[in-house]
Amino acid sequence: MKVALEKIEGNHPFIISAKQHLGLAVAYAKRYHERQWSIYWKTAKSSTKKVLKQELRVLAFDTYTEFLKATDYLNSYVEEVQTYQPVPPVPRWWDEMLISLILAHDSLFREHEQEISSKQLSLFEELI
């Protein structure tokens, strides 16, 4: 995601919004990594592990949510550009950014599929 963020250029409102959401996703991913390695799992108390695991679930879900918002803005940008030009010129940064986003999506989903899909369920579990 960080590579894609560095590649995106432009001052179109959709591009600016995509960069903001992708920046948030990168910040959440960084926070996830920092929190995951902040304790020694073998010796930590179970209460500490439980709290940290919940925080990691939320961070993984929020990372993916912001990532999806960024891709929605990029899709909106493409739709708008194609509306006004029959054959829009492809920005020089587009291919590298697109490959980075595809790899980021695959990695996020592979590594955090359970966290991404379980945050909604955990909200209901707390009510029971």
N, C-alpha and C. Protein backbone atom coordinates (compact mmCIF):
# COMPACT_ATOMS: atom_id res chain seq x y z
N MET A 1 0.82 -1.18 0.00
CA MET A 1 0.00 0.00 0.00
C MET A 1 0.87 1.25 0.00
N LYS A 2 1.98 1.17 0.71
CA LYS A 2 2.85 2.33 0.78
C LYS A 2 3.43 2.65 -0.59
N VAL A 3 3.78 1.62 -1.35
CA VAL A 3 4.31 1.83 -2.69
C VAL A 3 3.25 2.47 -3.58
N ALA A 4 2.03 1.98 -3.50
CA ALA A 4 0.93 2.56 -4.30
C ALA A 4 0.72 4.02 -3.92
N LEU A 5 0.77 4.31 -2.63
CA LEU A 5 0.60 5.68 -2.16
C LEU A 5 1.68 6.60 -2.72
N GLU A 6 2.89 6.10 -2.78
CA GLU A 6 3.99 6.90 -3.31
C GLU A 6 3.87 7.12 -4.81
N LYS A 7 3.21 6.22 -5.52
CA LYS A 7 3.10 6.31 -6.98
C LYS A 7 1.98 7.25 -7.44
N ILE A 8 0.92 7.36 -6.66
CA ILE A 8 -0.24 8.16 -7.08
C ILE A 8 0.14 9.63 -7.16
N GLU A 9 -0.20 10.23 -8.29
CA GLU A 9 0.06 11.66 -8.49
C GLU A 9 -1.18 12.32 -9.04
N GLY A 10 -1.31 13.59 -8.79
CA GLY A 10 -2.42 14.35 -9.36
C GLY A 10 -3.13 15.18 -8.32
N ASN A 11 -3.90 16.16 -8.81
CA ASN A 11 -4.62 17.04 -7.91
C ASN A 11 -6.13 16.99 -8.13
N HIS A 12 -6.58 15.95 -8.80
CA HIS A 12 -8.01 15.73 -8.98
C HIS A 12 -8.61 15.38 -7.62
N PRO A 13 -9.82 15.85 -7.31
CA PRO A 13 -10.42 15.57 -5.99
C PRO A 13 -10.50 14.08 -5.67
N PHE A 14 -10.79 13.24 -6.65
CA PHE A 14 -10.84 11.79 -6.39
C PHE A 14 -9.46 11.24 -6.06
N ILE A 15 -8.44 11.74 -6.73
CA ILE A 15 -7.06 11.30 -6.46
C ILE A 15 -6.64 11.73 -5.06
N ILE A 16 -6.97 12.96 -4.71
CA ILE A 16 -6.63 13.47 -3.37
C ILE A 16 -7.32 12.63 -2.29
N SER A 17 -8.60 12.32 -2.49
CA SER A 17 -9.33 11.49 -1.51
C SER A 17 -8.75 10.09 -1.44
N ALA A 18 -8.40 9.52 -2.59
CA ALA A 18 -7.80 8.19 -2.61
C ALA A 18 -6.49 8.18 -1.83
N LYS A 19 -5.69 9.21 -2.02
CA LYS A 19 -4.41 9.30 -1.30
C LYS A 19 -4.64 9.43 0.21
N GLN A 20 -5.66 10.18 0.60
CA GLN A 20 -5.95 10.33 2.03
C GLN A 20 -6.35 8.99 2.66
N HIS A 21 -7.23 8.27 1.99
CA HIS A 21 -7.68 6.98 2.53
C HIS A 21 -6.57 5.94 2.50
N LEU A 22 -5.78 5.97 1.45
CA LEU A 22 -4.66 5.03 1.39
C LEU A 22 -3.62 5.37 2.46
N GLY A 23 -3.44 6.65 2.72
CA GLY A 23 -2.55 7.07 3.81
C GLY A 23 -3.03 6.57 5.16
N LEU A 24 -4.34 6.64 5.38
CA LEU A 24 -4.91 6.09 6.63
C LEU A 24 -4.70 4.58 6.71
N ALA A 25 -4.90 3.89 5.59
CA ALA A 25 -4.70 2.44 5.58
C ALA A 25 -3.25 2.09 5.92
N VAL A 26 -2.31 2.83 5.38
CA VAL A 26 -0.90 2.60 5.67
C VAL A 26 -0.63 2.87 7.15
N ALA A 27 -1.21 3.93 7.69
CA ALA A 27 -1.01 4.25 9.11
C ALA A 27 -1.60 3.16 10.00
N TYR A 28 -2.78 2.64 9.65
CA TYR A 28 -3.38 1.55 10.43
C TYR A 28 -2.53 0.29 10.34
N ALA A 29 -2.01 -0.01 9.17
CA ALA A 29 -1.18 -1.19 9.01
C ALA A 29 0.11 -1.06 9.83
N LYS A 30 0.68 0.13 9.83
CA LYS A 30 1.88 0.36 10.64
C LYS A 30 1.57 0.19 12.12
N ARG A 31 0.45 0.73 12.55
CA ARG A 31 0.04 0.60 13.95
C ARG A 31 -0.21 -0.87 14.30
N TYR A 32 -0.80 -1.62 13.38
CA TYR A 32 -1.02 -3.05 13.59
C TYR A 32 0.32 -3.75 13.86
N HIS A 33 1.27 -3.48 12.99
CA HIS A 33 2.59 -4.12 13.12
C HIS A 33 3.24 -3.74 14.46
N GLU A 34 3.18 -2.47 14.82
CA GLU A 34 3.77 -2.03 16.08
C GLU A 34 3.10 -2.69 17.28
N ARG A 35 1.77 -2.76 17.27
CA ARG A 35 1.05 -3.36 18.39
C ARG A 35 1.28 -4.87 18.46
N GLN A 36 1.34 -5.51 17.30
CA GLN A 36 1.53 -6.97 17.28
C GLN A 36 2.86 -7.35 17.92
N TRP A 37 3.87 -6.56 17.71
CA TRP A 37 5.20 -6.88 18.24
C TRP A 37 5.51 -6.13 19.53
N SER A 38 4.50 -5.54 20.15
CA SER A 38 4.74 -4.77 21.37
C SER A 38 4.83 -5.63 22.63
N ILE A 39 4.37 -6.86 22.55
CA ILE A 39 4.45 -7.73 23.73
C ILE A 39 5.13 -9.05 23.35
N TYR A 40 5.58 -9.74 24.35
CA TYR A 40 6.12 -11.07 24.16
C TYR A 40 4.97 -12.03 24.45
N TRP A 41 4.43 -12.63 23.40
CA TRP A 41 3.19 -13.39 23.50
C TRP A 41 3.26 -14.57 24.46
N LYS A 42 4.41 -15.21 24.58
CA LYS A 42 4.50 -16.40 25.42
C LYS A 42 4.36 -16.09 26.90
N THR A 43 4.82 -14.92 27.32
CA THR A 43 4.81 -14.61 28.74
C THR A 43 3.72 -13.60 29.14
N ALA A 44 3.00 -13.07 28.18
CA ALA A 44 1.97 -12.07 28.50
C ALA A 44 0.77 -12.73 29.17
N LYS A 45 0.12 -11.94 30.02
CA LYS A 45 -1.10 -12.42 30.69
C LYS A 45 -2.20 -12.61 29.64
N SER A 46 -3.11 -13.51 29.94
CA SER A 46 -4.19 -13.78 28.99
C SER A 46 -5.09 -12.56 28.81
N SER A 47 -5.26 -11.77 29.85
CA SER A 47 -6.09 -10.56 29.71
C SER A 47 -5.44 -9.55 28.76
N THR A 48 -4.11 -9.45 28.83
CA THR A 48 -3.38 -8.55 27.93
C THR A 48 -3.49 -9.05 26.50
N LYS A 49 -3.37 -10.35 26.32
CA LYS A 49 -3.49 -10.93 24.97
C LYS A 49 -4.87 -10.68 24.39
N LYS A 50 -5.89 -10.84 25.22
CA LYS A 50 -7.26 -10.67 24.76
C LYS A 50 -7.51 -9.23 24.29
N VAL A 51 -7.08 -8.27 25.08
CA VAL A 51 -7.24 -6.86 24.71
C VAL A 51 -6.47 -6.55 23.44
N LEU A 52 -5.25 -7.03 23.35
CA LEU A 52 -4.42 -6.75 22.18
C LEU A 52 -4.98 -7.42 20.93
N LYS A 53 -5.47 -8.64 21.06
CA LYS A 53 -6.06 -9.31 19.91
C LYS A 53 -7.27 -8.56 19.39
N GLN A 54 -8.09 -8.02 20.28
CA GLN A 54 -9.24 -7.24 19.87
C GLN A 54 -8.79 -5.97 19.14
N GLU A 55 -7.78 -5.31 19.67
CA GLU A 55 -7.26 -4.11 19.02
C GLU A 55 -6.69 -4.44 17.63
N LEU A 56 -6.02 -5.57 17.52
CA LEU A 56 -5.46 -5.99 16.22
C LEU A 56 -6.58 -6.30 15.22
N ARG A 57 -7.66 -6.92 15.69
CA ARG A 57 -8.80 -7.17 14.81
C ARG A 57 -9.38 -5.87 14.26
N VAL A 58 -9.54 -4.91 15.14
CA VAL A 58 -10.09 -3.61 14.72
C VAL A 58 -9.15 -2.92 13.74
N LEU A 59 -7.86 -2.95 14.02
CA LEU A 59 -6.89 -2.31 13.12
C LEU A 59 -6.87 -2.99 11.75
N ALA A 60 -6.94 -4.31 11.71
CA ALA A 60 -6.96 -5.02 10.43
C ALA A 60 -8.21 -4.66 9.64
N PHE A 61 -9.35 -4.64 10.31
CA PHE A 61 -10.60 -4.29 9.65
C PHE A 61 -10.55 -2.85 9.13
N ASP A 62 -10.08 -1.93 9.94
CA ASP A 62 -10.01 -0.53 9.53
C ASP A 62 -9.02 -0.32 8.39
N THR A 63 -7.93 -1.06 8.40
CA THR A 63 -6.97 -0.98 7.30
C THR A 63 -7.64 -1.38 6.00
N TYR A 64 -8.35 -2.48 6.02
CA TYR A 64 -9.01 -2.97 4.82
C TYR A 64 -10.13 -2.01 4.38
N THR A 65 -10.86 -1.46 5.32
CA THR A 65 -11.93 -0.52 5.01
C THR A 65 -11.38 0.72 4.31
N GLU A 66 -10.32 1.29 4.84
CA GLU A 66 -9.71 2.47 4.22
C GLU A 66 -9.12 2.13 2.85
N PHE A 67 -8.56 0.95 2.73
CA PHE A 67 -8.03 0.50 1.44
C PHE A 67 -9.15 0.45 0.41
N LEU A 68 -10.29 -0.12 0.78
CA LEU A 68 -11.41 -0.20 -0.15
C LEU A 68 -11.96 1.18 -0.52
N LYS A 69 -12.00 2.10 0.44
CA LYS A 69 -12.44 3.46 0.14
C LYS A 69 -11.50 4.11 -0.88
N ALA A 70 -10.20 3.90 -0.72
CA ALA A 70 -9.23 4.46 -1.66
C ALA A 70 -9.45 3.90 -3.06
N THR A 71 -9.68 2.60 -3.15
CA THR A 71 -9.90 2.01 -4.48
C THR A 71 -11.22 2.49 -5.08
N ASP A 72 -12.22 2.74 -4.25
CA ASP A 72 -13.48 3.30 -4.77
C ASP A 72 -13.25 4.68 -5.39
N TYR A 73 -12.45 5.51 -4.73
CA TYR A 73 -12.15 6.84 -5.29
C TYR A 73 -11.34 6.72 -6.58
N LEU A 74 -10.43 5.77 -6.64
CA LEU A 74 -9.67 5.58 -7.87
C LEU A 74 -10.58 5.11 -9.00
N ASN A 75 -11.52 4.23 -8.70
CA ASN A 75 -12.49 3.79 -9.70
C ASN A 75 -13.36 4.95 -10.17
N SER A 76 -13.77 5.80 -9.24
CA SER A 76 -14.56 6.98 -9.61
C SER A 76 -13.77 7.91 -10.51
N TYR A 77 -12.50 8.06 -10.23
CA TYR A 77 -11.62 8.89 -11.07
C TYR A 77 -11.57 8.35 -12.49
N VAL A 78 -11.39 7.04 -12.61
CA VAL A 78 -11.32 6.42 -13.94
C VAL A 78 -12.65 6.60 -14.68
N GLU A 79 -13.76 6.38 -14.00
CA GLU A 79 -15.07 6.55 -14.64
C GLU A 79 -15.28 7.97 -15.12
N GLU A 80 -14.87 8.93 -14.30
CA GLU A 80 -15.04 10.33 -14.70
C GLU A 80 -14.16 10.69 -15.89
N VAL A 81 -12.92 10.24 -15.87
CA VAL A 81 -12.01 10.54 -16.98
C VAL A 81 -12.51 9.90 -18.26
N GLN A 82 -13.02 8.68 -18.19
CA GLN A 82 -13.50 8.00 -19.38
C GLN A 82 -14.78 8.63 -19.92
N THR A 83 -15.52 9.30 -19.08
CA THR A 83 -16.75 9.97 -19.52
C THR A 83 -16.43 11.13 -20.46
N TYR A 84 -15.36 11.85 -20.17
CA TYR A 84 -15.04 13.05 -20.93
C TYR A 84 -14.09 12.82 -22.10
N GLN A 85 -13.42 11.70 -22.12
CA GLN A 85 -12.47 11.43 -23.20
C GLN A 85 -12.72 10.03 -23.74
N PRO A 86 -12.80 9.89 -25.07
CA PRO A 86 -13.06 8.56 -25.63
C PRO A 86 -11.95 7.56 -25.31
N VAL A 87 -10.72 7.96 -25.46
CA VAL A 87 -9.59 7.10 -25.10
C VAL A 87 -8.69 7.91 -24.17
N PRO A 88 -8.93 7.79 -22.86
CA PRO A 88 -8.17 8.61 -21.92
C PRO A 88 -6.70 8.19 -21.88
N PRO A 89 -5.82 9.15 -21.75
CA PRO A 89 -4.41 8.79 -21.60
C PRO A 89 -4.18 8.16 -20.23
N VAL A 90 -3.41 7.12 -20.20
CA VAL A 90 -3.10 6.42 -18.95
C VAL A 90 -1.96 7.18 -18.26
N PRO A 91 -2.18 7.60 -17.02
CA PRO A 91 -1.09 8.29 -16.31
C PRO A 91 0.13 7.37 -16.19
N ARG A 92 1.30 7.94 -16.20
CA ARG A 92 2.53 7.13 -16.17
C ARG A 92 2.66 6.33 -14.88
N TRP A 93 2.01 6.75 -13.83
CA TRP A 93 2.11 6.07 -12.55
C TRP A 93 1.06 4.97 -12.39
N TRP A 94 0.11 4.88 -13.29
CA TRP A 94 -1.05 4.01 -13.11
C TRP A 94 -0.70 2.53 -13.00
N ASP A 95 0.13 2.01 -13.91
CA ASP A 95 0.41 0.57 -13.93
C ASP A 95 1.10 0.10 -12.66
N GLU A 96 2.13 0.83 -12.23
CA GLU A 96 2.83 0.44 -11.01
C GLU A 96 1.93 0.54 -9.78
N MET A 97 1.11 1.59 -9.75
CA MET A 97 0.19 1.76 -8.63
C MET A 97 -0.83 0.63 -8.61
N LEU A 98 -1.36 0.28 -9.77
CA LEU A 98 -2.36 -0.78 -9.86
C LEU A 98 -1.80 -2.12 -9.40
N ILE A 99 -0.60 -2.45 -9.83
CA ILE A 99 0.03 -3.71 -9.40
C ILE A 99 0.24 -3.71 -7.89
N SER A 100 0.67 -2.58 -7.34
CA SER A 100 0.88 -2.48 -5.89
C SER A 100 -0.43 -2.67 -5.14
N LEU A 101 -1.51 -2.09 -5.66
CA LEU A 101 -2.81 -2.25 -4.99
C LEU A 101 -3.31 -3.69 -5.06
N ILE A 102 -3.11 -4.34 -6.18
CA ILE A 102 -3.53 -5.74 -6.31
C ILE A 102 -2.76 -6.61 -5.33
N LEU A 103 -1.46 -6.41 -5.24
CA LEU A 103 -0.65 -7.19 -4.30
C LEU A 103 -1.04 -6.88 -2.85
N ALA A 104 -1.32 -5.62 -2.57
CA ALA A 104 -1.74 -5.25 -1.21
C ALA A 104 -3.07 -5.90 -0.85
N HIS A 105 -4.02 -5.88 -1.79
CA HIS A 105 -5.32 -6.49 -1.53
C HIS A 105 -5.17 -7.98 -1.26
N ASP A 106 -4.42 -8.66 -2.11
CA ASP A 106 -4.22 -10.10 -1.92
C ASP A 106 -3.57 -10.40 -0.58
N SER A 107 -2.58 -9.61 -0.22
CA SER A 107 -1.88 -9.81 1.04
C SER A 107 -2.79 -9.54 2.23
N LEU A 108 -3.52 -8.43 2.20
CA LEU A 108 -4.43 -8.11 3.28
C LEU A 108 -5.47 -9.21 3.48
N PHE A 109 -6.04 -9.65 2.40
CA PHE A 109 -7.10 -10.65 2.51
C PHE A 109 -6.54 -12.00 2.93
N ARG A 110 -5.36 -12.35 2.44
CA ARG A 110 -4.76 -13.63 2.81
C ARG A 110 -4.37 -13.64 4.29
N GLU A 111 -3.77 -12.55 4.77
CA GLU A 111 -3.26 -12.51 6.14
C GLU A 111 -4.33 -12.20 7.18
N HIS A 112 -5.38 -11.48 6.79
CA HIS A 112 -6.34 -11.00 7.78
C HIS A 112 -7.79 -11.28 7.41
N GLU A 113 -8.03 -12.33 6.69
CA GLU A 113 -9.39 -12.64 6.26
C GLU A 113 -10.34 -12.77 7.45
N GLN A 114 -9.89 -13.45 8.49
CA GLN A 114 -10.75 -13.65 9.65
C GLN A 114 -11.05 -12.32 10.35
N GLU A 115 -10.03 -11.48 10.53
CA GLU A 115 -10.24 -10.20 11.20
C GLU A 115 -11.15 -9.29 10.38
N ILE A 116 -10.96 -9.31 9.06
CA ILE A 116 -11.74 -8.46 8.18
C ILE A 116 -13.21 -8.83 8.23
N SER A 117 -13.49 -10.12 8.26
CA SER A 117 -14.88 -10.56 8.23
C SER A 117 -15.50 -10.73 9.61
N SER A 118 -14.70 -10.69 10.67
CA SER A 118 -15.26 -10.99 11.99
C SER A 118 -15.53 -9.78 12.85
N LYS A 119 -15.12 -8.59 12.46
CA LYS A 119 -15.37 -7.42 13.31
C LYS A 119 -16.87 -7.20 13.48
N GLN A 120 -17.62 -7.38 12.42
CA GLN A 120 -19.06 -7.21 12.51
C GLN A 120 -19.66 -8.20 13.51
N LEU A 121 -19.21 -9.43 13.47
CA LEU A 121 -19.73 -10.45 14.37
C LEU A 121 -19.34 -10.18 15.81
N SER A 122 -18.13 -9.68 16.03
CA SER A 122 -17.70 -9.45 17.41
C SER A 122 -18.51 -8.35 18.06
N LEU A 123 -19.05 -7.43 17.29
CA LEU A 123 -19.90 -6.39 17.87
C LEU A 123 -21.16 -7.00 18.47
N PHE A 124 -21.72 -7.99 17.80
CA PHE A 124 -22.92 -8.63 18.30
C PHE A 124 -22.62 -9.57 19.47
N GLU A 125 -21.43 -10.15 19.50
CA GLU A 125 -21.06 -11.04 20.59
C GLU A 125 -20.98 -10.29 21.91
N GLU A 126 -20.55 -9.03 21.86
CA GLU A 126 -20.44 -8.24 23.08
C GLU A 126 -21.79 -7.93 23.68
N LEU A 127 -22.84 -7.89 22.85
CA LEU A 127 -24.18 -7.59 23.34
C LEU A 127 -24.83 -8.77 24.03
N ILE A 128 -24.37 -9.96 23.71
CA ILE A 128 -24.99 -11.18 24.24
C ILE A 128 -24.54 -11.46 25.65
